Amino acid sequence: MEESNSKTKIIIGVVVLLLVVGGGVVYFFLGNRPLVSPLPSGNSVKVMFVTPSPEPLEPTSTPSASISPTRKPTAKPTAKPTSAATATPGATNTPTPTSATTPTPTNTPTPTP
């Protein structure tokens, strides 16, 4: 069990050493190159804030807001009474059957001896 632990530690140490050496070699050969930047070099980016200048307040010859005349409400015509048939008081309204129905026979099992 101790051999596998020591082998694992040795393998991890070698990998870390290779990464450090590889990073040093890459930095040595590419360290003098400038990094690629998304911004252009120099003072080519300028931010300008422009505020509107206030205009002198002078009355205009024509009104800017037009006033529309208000409408007067008109009376809607009401329903006119018509002479239509109405129910007479005292008449009874009882339903009468239109056809007679009979129950349908059902099949009942007969007992067998």
PDB file of N, CA and C in Angstrom:
ATOM      1  N   MET A   1       0.815  -1.180   0.000  1.00  0.00           N
ATOM      2  CA  MET A   1       0.000   0.000   0.000  1.00  0.00           C
ATOM      3  C   MET A   1       0.868   1.257   0.000  1.00  0.00           C
ATOM      4  N   GLU A   2       1.964   1.204   0.733  1.00  0.00           N
ATOM      5  CA  GLU A   2       2.849   2.361   0.807  1.00  0.00           C
ATOM      6  C   GLU A   2       3.564   2.592  -0.514  1.00  0.00           C
ATOM      7  N   GLU A   3       3.789   1.539  -1.291  1.00  0.00           N
ATOM      8  CA  GLU A   3       4.457   1.694  -2.584  1.00  0.00           C
ATOM      9  C   GLU A   3       3.577   2.464  -3.560  1.00  0.00           C
ATOM     10  N   SER A   4       2.265   2.195  -3.571  1.00  0.00           N
ATOM     11  CA  SER A   4       1.369   2.892  -4.491  1.00  0.00           C
ATOM     12  C   SER A   4       1.256   4.373  -4.115  1.00  0.00           C
ATOM     13  N   ASN A   5       1.282   4.682  -2.802  1.00  0.00           N
ATOM     14  CA  ASN A   5       1.245   6.080  -2.364  1.00  0.00           C
ATOM     15  C   ASN A   5       2.504   6.818  -2.790  1.00  0.00           C
ATOM     16  N   SER A   6       3.643   6.189  -2.641  1.00  0.00           N
ATOM     17  CA  SER A   6       4.895   6.848  -3.008  1.00  0.00           C
ATOM     18  C   SER A   6       5.005   6.993  -4.521  1.00  0.00           C
ATOM     19  N   LYS A   7       4.511   6.012  -5.292  1.00  0.00           N
ATOM     20  CA  LYS A   7       4.535   6.112  -6.754  1.00  0.00           C
ATOM     21  C   LYS A   7       3.616   7.242  -7.225  1.00  0.00           C
ATOM     22  N   THR A   8       2.467   7.369  -6.590  1.00  0.00           N
ATOM     23  CA  THR A   8       1.526   8.427  -6.958  1.00  0.00           C
ATOM     24  C   THR A   8       2.131   9.799  -6.671  1.00  0.00           C
ATOM     25  N   LYS A   9       2.811   9.933  -5.533  1.00  0.00           N
ATOM     26  CA  LYS A   9       3.444  11.202  -5.196  1.00  0.00           C
ATOM     27  C   LYS A   9       4.557  11.536  -6.181  1.00  0.00           C
ATOM     28  N   ILE A  10       5.305  10.552  -6.602  1.00  0.00           N
ATOM     29  CA  ILE A  10       6.392  10.779  -7.563  1.00  0.00           C
ATOM     30  C   ILE A  10       5.822  11.214  -8.912  1.00  0.00           C
ATOM     31  N   ILE A  11       4.745  10.566  -9.362  1.00  0.00           N
ATOM     32  CA  ILE A  11       4.137  10.901 -10.657  1.00  0.00           C
ATOM     33  C   ILE A  11       3.580  12.326 -10.617  1.00  0.00           C
ATOM     34  N   ILE A  12       2.917  12.691  -9.529  1.00  0.00           N
ATOM     35  CA  ILE A  12       2.369  14.044  -9.403  1.00  0.00           C
ATOM     36  C   ILE A  12       3.503  15.074  -9.391  1.00  0.00           C
ATOM     37  N   GLY A  13       4.585  14.791  -8.703  1.00  0.00           N
ATOM     38  CA  GLY A  13       5.730  15.708  -8.659  1.00  0.00           C
ATOM     39  C   GLY A  13       6.354  15.907 -10.030  1.00  0.00           C
ATOM     40  N   VAL A  14       6.493  14.823 -10.809  1.00  0.00           N
ATOM     41  CA  VAL A  14       7.078  14.923 -12.149  1.00  0.00           C
ATOM     42  C   VAL A  14       6.177  15.759 -13.058  1.00  0.00           C
ATOM     43  N   VAL A  15       4.845  15.559 -12.974  1.00  0.00           N
ATOM     44  CA  VAL A  15       3.912  16.316 -13.815  1.00  0.00           C
ATOM     45  C   VAL A  15       3.980  17.803 -13.466  1.00  0.00           C
ATOM     46  N   VAL A  16       4.020  18.144 -12.183  1.00  0.00           N
ATOM     47  CA  VAL A  16       4.105  19.542 -11.765  1.00  0.00           C
ATOM     48  C   VAL A  16       5.422  20.151 -12.232  1.00  0.00           C
ATOM     49  N   LEU A  17       6.523  19.413 -12.122  1.00  0.00           N
ATOM     50  CA  LEU A  17       7.824  19.900 -12.568  1.00  0.00           C
ATOM     51  C   LEU A  17       7.828  20.159 -14.071  1.00  0.00           C
ATOM     52  N   LEU A  18       7.210  19.244 -14.859  1.00  0.00           N
ATOM     53  CA  LEU A  18       7.136  19.444 -16.309  1.00  0.00           C
ATOM     54  C   LEU A  18       6.300  20.681 -16.658  1.00  0.00           C
ATOM     55  N   LEU A  19       5.219  20.908 -15.949  1.00  0.00           N
ATOM     56  CA  LEU A  19       4.397  22.089 -16.207  1.00  0.00           C
ATOM     57  C   LEU A  19       5.161  23.377 -15.907  1.00  0.00           C
ATOM     58  N   VAL A  20       5.907  23.402 -14.818  1.00  0.00           N
ATOM     59  CA  VAL A  20       6.668  24.599 -14.456  1.00  0.00           C
ATOM     60  C   VAL A  20       7.775  24.855 -15.470  1.00  0.00           C
ATOM     61  N   VAL A  21       8.482  23.808 -15.873  1.00  0.00           N
ATOM     62  CA  VAL A  21       9.559  23.958 -16.862  1.00  0.00           C
ATOM     63  C   VAL A  21       8.982  24.374 -18.212  1.00  0.00           C
ATOM     64  N   GLY A  22       7.866  23.767 -18.617  1.00  0.00           N
ATOM     65  CA  GLY A  22       7.240  24.129 -19.897  1.00  0.00           C
ATOM     66  C   GLY A  22       6.773  25.576 -19.896  1.00  0.00           C
ATOM     67  N   GLY A  23       6.192  26.028 -18.807  1.00  0.00           N
ATOM     68  CA  GLY A  23       5.764  27.424 -18.709  1.00  0.00           C
ATOM     69  C   GLY A  23       6.941  28.378 -18.771  1.00  0.00           C
ATOM     70  N   GLY A  24       8.051  28.022 -18.144  1.00  0.00           N
ATOM     71  CA  GLY A  24       9.249  28.870 -18.196  1.00  0.00           C
ATOM     72  C   GLY A  24       9.807  28.966 -19.603  1.00  0.00           C
ATOM     73  N   VAL A  25       9.820  27.854 -20.345  1.00  0.00           N
ATOM     74  CA  VAL A  25      10.329  27.863 -21.719  1.00  0.00           C
ATOM     75  C   VAL A  25       9.439  28.726 -22.606  1.00  0.00           C
ATOM     76  N   VAL A  26       8.126  28.587 -22.476  1.00  0.00           N
ATOM     77  CA  VAL A  26       7.207  29.383 -23.289  1.00  0.00           C
ATOM     78  C   VAL A  26       7.373  30.863 -22.953  1.00  0.00           C
ATOM     79  N   TYR A  27       7.520  31.205 -21.687  1.00  0.00           N
ATOM     80  CA  TYR A  27       7.696  32.604 -21.303  1.00  0.00           C
ATOM     81  C   TYR A  27       9.030  33.151 -21.833  1.00  0.00           C
ATOM     82  N   PHE A  28      10.054  32.328 -21.838  1.00  0.00           N
ATOM     83  CA  PHE A  28      11.371  32.776 -22.315  1.00  0.00           C
ATOM     84  C   PHE A  28      11.328  33.118 -23.802  1.00  0.00           C
ATOM     85  N   PHE A  29      10.657  32.273 -24.610  1.00  0.00           N
ATOM     86  CA  PHE A  29      10.627  32.508 -26.053  1.00  0.00           C
ATOM     87  C   PHE A  29       9.552  33.525 -26.467  1.00  0.00           C
ATOM     88  N   LEU A  30       8.444  33.554 -25.778  1.00  0.00           N
ATOM     89  CA  LEU A  30       7.345  34.430 -26.180  1.00  0.00           C
ATOM     90  C   LEU A  30       7.137  35.598 -25.229  1.00  0.00           C
ATOM     91  N   GLY A  31       7.979  35.777 -24.253  1.00  0.00           N
ATOM     92  CA  GLY A  31       7.790  36.812 -23.247  1.00  0.00           C
ATOM     93  C   GLY A  31       8.015  38.211 -23.765  1.00  0.00           C
ATOM     94  N   ASN A  32       8.794  38.372 -24.840  1.00  0.00           N
ATOM     95  CA  ASN A  32       9.080  39.710 -25.326  1.00  0.00           C
ATOM     96  C   ASN A  32       8.039  40.196 -26.330  1.00  0.00           C
ATOM     97  N   ARG A  33       7.123  39.343 -26.736  1.00  0.00           N
ATOM     98  CA  ARG A  33       6.062  39.753 -27.660  1.00  0.00           C
ATOM     99  C   ARG A  33       4.975  40.483 -26.881  1.00  0.00           C
ATOM    100  N   PRO A  34       4.394  41.517 -27.505  1.00  0.00           N
ATOM    101  CA  PRO A  34       3.284  42.189 -26.815  1.00  0.00           C
ATOM    102  C   PRO A  34       2.031  41.317 -26.853  1.00  0.00           C
ATOM    103  N   LEU A  35       1.237  41.463 -25.842  1.00  0.00           N
ATOM    104  CA  LEU A  35      -0.004  40.695 -25.784  1.00  0.00           C
ATOM    105  C   LEU A  35      -1.016  41.267 -26.770  1.00  0.00           C
ATOM    106  N   VAL A  36      -1.872  40.412 -27.280  1.00  0.00           N
ATOM    107  CA  VAL A  36      -2.925  40.862 -28.176  1.00  0.00           C
ATOM    108  C   VAL A  36      -4.018  41.486 -27.314  1.00  0.00           C
ATOM    109  N   SER A  37      -4.351  42.731 -27.622  1.00  0.00           N
ATOM    110  CA  SER A  37      -5.344  43.449 -26.839  1.00  0.00           C
ATOM    111  C   SER A  37      -6.570  43.729 -27.695  1.00  0.00           C
ATOM    112  N   PRO A  38      -7.757  43.646 -27.133  1.00  0.00           N
ATOM    113  CA  PRO A  38      -8.947  43.962 -27.922  1.00  0.00           C
ATOM    114  C   PRO A  38      -9.089  45.457 -28.190  1.00  0.00           C
ATOM    115  N   LEU A  39      -8.380  46.291 -27.431  1.00  0.00           N
ATOM    116  CA  LEU A  39      -8.432  47.732 -27.643  1.00  0.00           C
ATOM    117  C   LEU A  39      -7.276  48.156 -28.540  1.00  0.00           C
ATOM    118  N   PRO A  40      -7.496  49.116 -29.409  1.00  0.00           N
ATOM    119  CA  PRO A  40      -6.399  49.599 -30.248  1.00  0.00           C
ATOM    120  C   PRO A  40      -5.366  50.338 -29.404  1.00  0.00           C
ATOM    121  N   SER A  41      -4.143  50.354 -29.887  1.00  0.00           N
ATOM    122  CA  SER A  41      -3.071  50.996 -29.126  1.00  0.00           C
ATOM    123  C   SER A  41      -3.175  52.515 -29.233  1.00  0.00           C
ATOM    124  N   GLY A  42      -2.666  53.191 -28.261  1.00  0.00           N
ATOM    125  CA  GLY A  42      -2.649  54.646 -28.293  1.00  0.00           C
ATOM    126  C   GLY A  42      -3.943  55.250 -27.811  1.00  0.00           C
ATOM    127  N   ASN A  43      -4.125  56.530 -28.170  1.00  0.00           N
ATOM    128  CA  ASN A  43      -5.312  57.267 -27.746  1.00  0.00           C
ATOM    129  C   ASN A  43      -6.368  57.277 -28.841  1.00  0.00           C
ATOM    130  N   SER A  44      -6.640  56.157 -29.423  1.00  0.00           N
ATOM    131  CA  SER A  44      -7.605  56.125 -30.517  1.00  0.00           C
ATOM    132  C   SER A  44      -9.039  55.971 -30.028  1.00  0.00           C
ATOM    133  N   VAL A  45      -9.218  55.692 -28.763  1.00  0.00           N
ATOM    134  CA  VAL A  45     -10.567  55.587 -28.215  1.00  0.00           C
ATOM    135  C   VAL A  45     -10.855  56.862 -27.440  1.00  0.00           C
ATOM    136  N   LYS A  46     -11.851  57.613 -27.902  1.00  0.00           N
ATOM    137  CA  LYS A  46     -12.216  58.851 -27.228  1.00  0.00           C
ATOM    138  C   LYS A  46     -13.698  58.790 -26.892  1.00  0.00           C
ATOM    139  N   VAL A  47     -14.006  59.166 -25.690  1.00  0.00           N
ATOM    140  CA  VAL A  47     -15.393  59.206 -25.256  1.00  0.00           C
ATOM    141  C   VAL A  47     -15.764  60.668 -25.098  1.00  0.00           C
ATOM    142  N   MET A  48     -16.786  61.073 -25.825  1.00  0.00           N
ATOM    143  CA  MET A  48     -17.214  62.467 -25.775  1.00  0.00           C
ATOM    144  C   MET A  48     -18.627  62.519 -25.223  1.00  0.00           C
ATOM    145  N   PHE A  49     -18.826  63.366 -24.230  1.00  0.00           N
ATOM    146  CA  PHE A  49     -20.141  63.576 -23.664  1.00  0.00           C
ATOM    147  C   PHE A  49     -20.650  64.922 -24.164  1.00  0.00           C
ATOM    148  N   VAL A  50     -21.756  64.901 -24.880  1.00  0.00           N
ATOM    149  CA  VAL A  50     -22.313  66.123 -25.434  1.00  0.00           C
ATOM    150  C   VAL A  50     -23.630  66.402 -24.730  1.00  0.00           C
ATOM    151  N   THR A  51     -23.723  67.584 -24.152  1.00  0.00           N
ATOM    152  CA  THR A  51     -24.977  67.982 -23.515  1.00  0.00           C
ATOM    153  C   THR A  51     -25.667  68.985 -24.419  1.00  0.00           C
ATOM    154  N   PRO A  52     -26.973  68.935 -24.518  1.00  0.00           N
ATOM    155  CA  PRO A  52     -27.660  69.888 -25.392  1.00  0.00           C
ATOM    156  C   PRO A  52     -27.596  71.300 -24.810  1.00  0.00           C
ATOM    157  N   SER A  53     -27.455  72.250 -25.697  1.00  0.00           N
ATOM    158  CA  SER A  53     -27.403  73.638 -25.237  1.00  0.00           C
ATOM    159  C   SER A  53     -28.834  74.131 -25.035  1.00  0.00           C
ATOM    160  N   PRO A  54     -29.079  74.893 -23.987  1.00  0.00           N
ATOM    161  CA  PRO A  54     -30.446  75.369 -23.753  1.00  0.00           C
ATOM    162  C   PRO A  54     -30.834  76.414 -24.797  1.00  0.00           C
ATOM    163  N   GLU A  55     -32.052  76.312 -25.288  1.00  0.00           N
ATOM    164  CA  GLU A  55     -32.556  77.264 -26.268  1.00  0.00           C
ATOM    165  C   GLU A  55     -33.273  78.388 -25.537  1.00  0.00           C
ATOM    166  N   PRO A  56     -33.241  79.575 -26.088  1.00  0.00           N
ATOM    167  CA  PRO A  56     -33.952  80.676 -25.426  1.00  0.00           C
ATOM    168  C   PRO A  56     -35.454  80.445 -25.495  1.00  0.00           C
ATOM    169  N   LEU A  57     -36.132  80.758 -24.411  1.00  0.00           N
ATOM    170  CA  LEU A  57     -37.569  80.556 -24.347  1.00  0.00           C
ATOM    171  C   LEU A  57     -38.278  81.782 -24.908  1.00  0.00           C
ATOM    172  N   GLU A  58     -38.908  81.613 -26.054  1.00  0.00           N
ATOM    173  CA  GLU A  58     -39.661  82.694 -26.677  1.00  0.00           C
ATOM    174  C   GLU A  58     -41.060  82.183 -26.967  1.00  0.00           C
ATOM    175  N   PRO A  59     -42.055  83.005 -26.781  1.00  0.00           N
ATOM    176  CA  PRO A  59     -43.409  82.553 -27.109  1.00  0.00           C
ATOM    177  C   PRO A  59     -43.559  82.388 -28.618  1.00  0.00           C
ATOM    178  N   THR A  60     -44.278  81.369 -29.002  1.00  0.00           N
ATOM    179  CA  THR A  60     -44.499  81.121 -30.424  1.00  0.00           C
ATOM    180  C   THR A  60     -45.776  81.804 -30.861  1.00  0.00           C
ATOM    181  N   SER A  61     -45.884  82.040 -32.160  1.00  0.00           N
ATOM    182  CA  SER A  61     -47.063  82.737 -32.665  1.00  0.00           C
ATOM    183  C   SER A  61     -48.271  81.816 -32.743  1.00  0.00           C
ATOM    184  N   THR A  62     -48.064  80.532 -32.888  1.00  0.00           N
ATOM    185  CA  THR A  62     -49.177  79.583 -32.954  1.00  0.00           C
ATOM    186  C   THR A  62     -49.153  78.725 -31.701  1.00  0.00           C
ATOM    187  N   PRO A  63     -50.305  78.357 -31.218  1.00  0.00           N
ATOM    188  CA  PRO A  63     -50.305  77.501 -30.024  1.00  0.00           C
ATOM    189  C   PRO A  63     -49.773  76.112 -30.367  1.00  0.00           C
ATOM    190  N   SER A  64     -49.025  75.563 -29.449  1.00  0.00           N
ATOM    191  CA  SER A  64     -48.442  74.248 -29.703  1.00  0.00           C
ATOM    192  C   SER A  64     -49.429  73.128 -29.404  1.00  0.00           C
ATOM    193  N   ALA A  65     -50.339  73.378 -28.496  1.00  0.00           N
ATOM    194  CA  ALA A  65     -51.331  72.357 -28.169  1.00  0.00           C
ATOM    195  C   ALA A  65     -52.671  72.799 -28.732  1.00  0.00           C
ATOM    196  N   SER A  66     -53.279  71.939 -29.512  1.00  0.00           N
ATOM    197  CA  SER A  66     -54.575  72.293 -30.089  1.00  0.00           C
ATOM    198  C   SER A  66     -55.682  71.766 -29.193  1.00  0.00           C
ATOM    199  N   ILE A  67     -56.660  72.597 -28.968  1.00  0.00           N
ATOM    200  CA  ILE A  67     -57.778  72.217 -28.110  1.00  0.00           C
ATOM    201  C   ILE A  67     -58.913  71.755 -29.012  1.00  0.00           C
ATOM    202  N   SER A  68     -59.365  70.544 -28.811  1.00  0.00           N
ATOM    203  CA  SER A  68     -60.464  70.025 -29.619  1.00  0.00           C
ATOM    204  C   SER A  68     -61.779  70.322 -28.898  1.00  0.00           C
ATOM    205  N   PRO A  69     -62.807  70.707 -29.657  1.00  0.00           N
ATOM    206  CA  PRO A  69     -64.092  71.007 -28.999  1.00  0.00           C
ATOM    207  C   PRO A  69     -64.682  69.733 -28.402  1.00  0.00           C
ATOM    208  N   THR A  70     -65.313  69.899 -27.254  1.00  0.00           N
ATOM    209  CA  THR A  70     -65.910  68.731 -26.600  1.00  0.00           C
ATOM    210  C   THR A  70     -67.294  68.491 -27.182  1.00  0.00           C
ATOM    211  N   ARG A  71     -67.636  67.259 -27.344  1.00  0.00           N
ATOM    212  CA  ARG A  71     -68.946  66.892 -27.881  1.00  0.00           C
ATOM    213  C   ARG A  71     -69.968  66.879 -26.763  1.00  0.00           C
ATOM    214  N   LYS A  72     -71.160  67.305 -27.119  1.00  0.00           N
ATOM    215  CA  LYS A  72     -72.246  67.237 -26.159  1.00  0.00           C
ATOM    216  C   LYS A  72     -72.861  65.852 -26.234  1.00  0.00           C
ATOM    217  N   PRO A  73     -73.174  65.275 -25.110  1.00  0.00           N
ATOM    218  CA  PRO A  73     -73.776  63.944 -25.157  1.00  0.00           C
ATOM    219  C   PRO A  73     -75.168  64.010 -25.771  1.00  0.00           C
ATOM    220  N   THR A  74     -75.428  63.068 -26.655  1.00  0.00           N
ATOM    221  CA  THR A  74     -76.740  63.014 -27.298  1.00  0.00           C
ATOM    222  C   THR A  74     -77.574  61.949 -26.615  1.00  0.00           C
ATOM    223  N   ALA A  75     -78.871  62.210 -26.537  1.00  0.00           N
ATOM    224  CA  ALA A  75     -79.774  61.262 -25.896  1.00  0.00           C
ATOM    225  C   ALA A  75     -80.051  60.121 -26.861  1.00  0.00           C
ATOM    226  N   LYS A  76     -79.919  58.918 -26.386  1.00  0.00           N
ATOM    227  CA  LYS A  76     -80.207  57.746 -27.207  1.00  0.00           C
ATOM    228  C   LYS A  76     -81.699  57.460 -27.132  1.00  0.00           C
ATOM    229  N   PRO A  77     -82.296  57.051 -28.243  1.00  0.00           N
ATOM    230  CA  PRO A  77     -83.732  56.757 -28.207  1.00  0.00           C
ATOM    231  C   PRO A  77     -84.011  55.542 -27.328  1.00  0.00           C
ATOM    232  N   THR A  78     -85.089  55.624 -26.585  1.00  0.00           N
ATOM    233  CA  THR A  78     -85.470  54.513 -25.723  1.00  0.00           C
ATOM    234  C   THR A  78     -86.362  53.552 -26.498  1.00  0.00           C
ATOM    235  N   ALA A  79     -86.548  52.373 -25.968  1.00  0.00           N
ATOM    236  CA  ALA A  79     -87.372  51.362 -26.635  1.00  0.00           C
ATOM    237  C   ALA A  79     -88.835  51.798 -26.619  1.00  0.00           C
ATOM    238  N   LYS A  80     -89.485  51.661 -27.760  1.00  0.00           N
ATOM    239  CA  LYS A  80     -90.892  52.037 -27.870  1.00  0.00           C
ATOM    240  C   LYS A  80     -91.759  50.832 -27.532  1.00  0.00           C
ATOM    241  N   PRO A  81     -92.841  51.034 -26.814  1.00  0.00           N
ATOM    242  CA  PRO A  81     -93.717  49.898 -26.496  1.00  0.00           C
ATOM    243  C   PRO A  81     -94.430  49.410 -27.754  1.00  0.00           C
ATOM    244  N   THR A  82     -94.510  48.099 -27.888  1.00  0.00           N
ATOM    245  CA  THR A  82     -95.198  47.493 -29.034  1.00  0.00           C
ATOM    246  C   THR A  82     -96.322  46.619 -28.527  1.00  0.00           C
ATOM    247  N   SER A  83     -97.300  46.417 -29.367  1.00  0.00           N
ATOM    248  CA  SER A  83     -98.404  45.546 -28.975  1.00  0.00           C
ATOM    249  C   SER A  83     -98.045  44.127 -29.406  1.00  0.00           C
ATOM    250  N   ALA A  84     -97.617  43.331 -28.445  1.00  0.00           N
ATOM    251  CA  ALA A  84     -97.245  41.944 -28.718  1.00  0.00           C
ATOM    252  C   ALA A  84     -98.097  41.036 -27.854  1.00  0.00           C
ATOM    253  N   ALA A  85     -98.174  39.779 -28.225  1.00  0.00           N
ATOM    254  CA  ALA A  85     -98.977  38.819 -27.476  1.00  0.00           C
ATOM    255  C   ALA A  85     -98.331  38.578 -26.134  1.00  0.00           C
ATOM    256  N   THR A  86     -99.148  38.582 -25.105  1.00  0.00           N
ATOM    257  CA  THR A  86     -98.661  38.321 -23.759  1.00  0.00           C
ATOM    258  C   THR A  86     -99.444  37.157 -23.186  1.00  0.00           C
ATOM    259  N   ALA A  87     -98.930  36.555 -22.152  1.00  0.00           N
ATOM    260  CA  ALA A  87     -99.607  35.431 -21.512  1.00  0.00           C
ATOM    261  C   ALA A  87    -100.825  35.939 -20.757  1.00  0.00           C
ATOM    262  N   THR A  88    -101.887  35.171 -20.826  1.00  0.00           N
ATOM    263  CA  THR A  88    -103.108  35.568 -20.118  1.00  0.00           C
ATOM    264  C   THR A  88    -103.061  35.025 -18.710  1.00  0.00           C
ATOM    265  N   PRO A  89    -103.427  35.797 -17.746  1.00  0.00           N
ATOM    266  CA  PRO A  89    -103.403  35.285 -16.375  1.00  0.00           C
ATOM    267  C   PRO A  89    -104.506  34.255 -16.170  1.00  0.00           C
ATOM    268  N   GLY A  90    -104.231  33.273 -15.352  1.00  0.00           N
ATOM    269  CA  GLY A  90    -105.208  32.246 -15.026  1.00  0.00           C
ATOM    270  C   GLY A  90    -105.057  31.002 -15.882  1.00  0.00           C
ATOM    271  N   ALA A  91    -104.312  31.024 -16.939  1.00  0.00           N
ATOM    272  CA  ALA A  91    -104.147  29.833 -17.775  1.00  0.00           C
ATOM    273  C   ALA A  91    -103.116  28.927 -17.121  1.00  0.00           C
ATOM    274  N   THR A  92    -103.374  27.649 -17.139  1.00  0.00           N
ATOM    275  CA  THR A  92    -102.435  26.697 -16.556  1.00  0.00           C
ATOM    276  C   THR A  92    -101.579  26.111 -17.662  1.00  0.00           C
ATOM    277  N   ASN A  93    -100.385  25.914 -17.332  1.00  0.00           N
ATOM    278  CA  ASN A  93     -99.445  25.371 -18.308  1.00  0.00           C
ATOM    279  C   ASN A  93     -98.929  24.048 -17.769  1.00  0.00           C
ATOM    280  N   THR A  94     -99.659  22.963 -18.042  1.00  0.00           N
ATOM    281  CA  THR A  94     -99.234  21.644 -17.585  1.00  0.00           C
ATOM    282  C   THR A  94     -98.727  20.862 -18.778  1.00  0.00           C
ATOM    283  N   PRO A  95     -97.607  20.203 -18.633  1.00  0.00           N
ATOM    284  CA  PRO A  95     -97.073  19.438 -19.767  1.00  0.00           C
ATOM    285  C   PRO A  95     -97.895  18.181 -20.005  1.00  0.00           C
ATOM    286  N   THR A  96     -98.062  17.844 -21.246  1.00  0.00           N
ATOM    287  CA  THR A  96     -98.775  16.617 -21.613  1.00  0.00           C
ATOM    288  C   THR A  96     -97.802  15.709 -22.337  1.00  0.00           C
ATOM    289  N   PRO A  97     -97.850  14.398 -22.048  1.00  0.00           N
ATOM    290  CA  PRO A  97     -96.916  13.485 -22.726  1.00  0.00           C
ATOM    291  C   PRO A  97     -97.292  13.338 -24.198  1.00  0.00           C
ATOM    292  N   THR A  98     -96.284  13.257 -25.032  1.00  0.00           N
ATOM    293  CA  THR A  98     -96.531  13.114 -26.465  1.00  0.00           C
ATOM    294  C   THR A  98     -96.484  11.664 -26.905  1.00  0.00           C
ATOM    295  N   SER A  99     -95.744  10.811 -26.201  1.00  0.00           N
ATOM    296  CA  SER A  99     -95.713   9.389 -26.549  1.00  0.00           C
ATOM    297  C   SER A  99     -95.498   8.589 -25.277  1.00  0.00           C
ATOM    298  N   ALA A 100     -96.018   7.360 -25.287  1.00  0.00           N
ATOM    299  CA  ALA A 100     -95.879   6.496 -24.124  1.00  0.00           C
ATOM    300  C   ALA A 100     -94.699   5.567 -24.348  1.00  0.00           C
ATOM    301  N   THR A 101     -93.935   5.342 -23.306  1.00  0.00           N
ATOM    302  CA  THR A 101     -92.789   4.436 -23.409  1.00  0.00           C
ATOM    303  C   THR A 101     -93.012   3.254 -22.496  1.00  0.00           C
ATOM    304  N   THR A 102     -92.485   2.114 -22.918  1.00  0.00           N
ATOM    305  CA  THR A 102     -92.576   0.910 -22.101  1.00  0.00           C
ATOM    306  C   THR A 102     -91.165   0.475 -21.765  1.00  0.00           C
ATOM    307  N   PRO A 103     -91.002  -0.135 -20.618  1.00  0.00           N
ATOM    308  CA  PRO A 103     -89.646  -0.583 -20.264  1.00  0.00           C
ATOM    309  C   PRO A 103     -89.221  -1.730 -21.173  1.00  0.00           C
ATOM    310  N   THR A 104     -87.934  -1.749 -21.485  1.00  0.00           N
ATOM    311  CA  THR A 104     -87.409  -2.821 -22.342  1.00  0.00           C
ATOM    312  C   THR A 104     -87.096  -4.027 -21.475  1.00  0.00           C
ATOM    313  N   PRO A 105     -87.430  -5.247 -21.974  1.00  0.00           N
ATOM    314  CA  PRO A 105     -87.142  -6.442 -21.174  1.00  0.00           C
ATOM    315  C   PRO A 105     -85.638  -6.702 -21.132  1.00  0.00           C
ATOM    316  N   THR A 106     -85.186  -7.197 -20.002  1.00  0.00           N
ATOM    317  CA  THR A 106     -83.771  -7.539 -19.855  1.00  0.00           C
ATOM    318  C   THR A 106     -83.637  -9.043 -19.815  1.00  0.00           C
ATOM    319  N   ASN A 107     -82.524  -9.533 -20.254  1.00  0.00           N
ATOM    320  CA  ASN A 107     -82.259 -10.978 -20.226  1.00  0.00           C
ATOM    321  C   ASN A 107     -81.789 -11.346 -18.833  1.00  0.00           C
ATOM    322  N   THR A 108     -82.553 -12.192 -18.166  1.00  0.00           N
ATOM    323  CA  THR A 108     -82.158 -12.651 -16.839  1.00  0.00           C
ATOM    324  C   THR A 108     -81.752 -14.107 -16.958  1.00  0.00           C
ATOM    325  N   PRO A 109     -80.675 -14.481 -16.343  1.00  0.00           N
ATOM    326  CA  PRO A 109     -80.249 -15.889 -16.437  1.00  0.00           C
ATOM    327  C   PRO A 109     -81.235 -16.799 -15.689  1.00  0.00           C
ATOM    328  N   THR A 110     -81.496 -17.906 -16.290  1.00  0.00           N
ATOM    329  CA  THR A 110     -82.393 -18.878 -15.652  1.00  0.00           C
ATOM    330  C   THR A 110     -81.541 -19.919 -14.950  1.00  0.00           C
ATOM    331  N   PRO A 111     -81.947 -20.300 -13.756  1.00  0.00           N
ATOM    332  CA  PRO A 111     -81.139 -21.303 -13.038  1.00  0.00           C
ATOM    333  C   PRO A 111     -81.306 -22.687 -13.673  1.00  0.00           C
ATOM    334  N   THR A 112     -80.224 -23.374 -13.781  1.00  0.00           N
ATOM    335  CA  THR A 112     -80.262 -24.744 -14.321  1.00  0.00           C
ATOM    336  C   THR A 112     -80.121 -25.729 -13.175  1.00  0.00           C
ATOM    337  N   PRO A 113     -80.998 -26.823 -13.207  1.00  0.00           N
ATOM    338  CA  PRO A 113     -80.924 -27.788 -12.096  1.00  0.00           C
ATOM    339  C   PRO A 113     -79.733 -28.711 -12.204  1.00  0.00           C
TER     340      PRO A 113
END
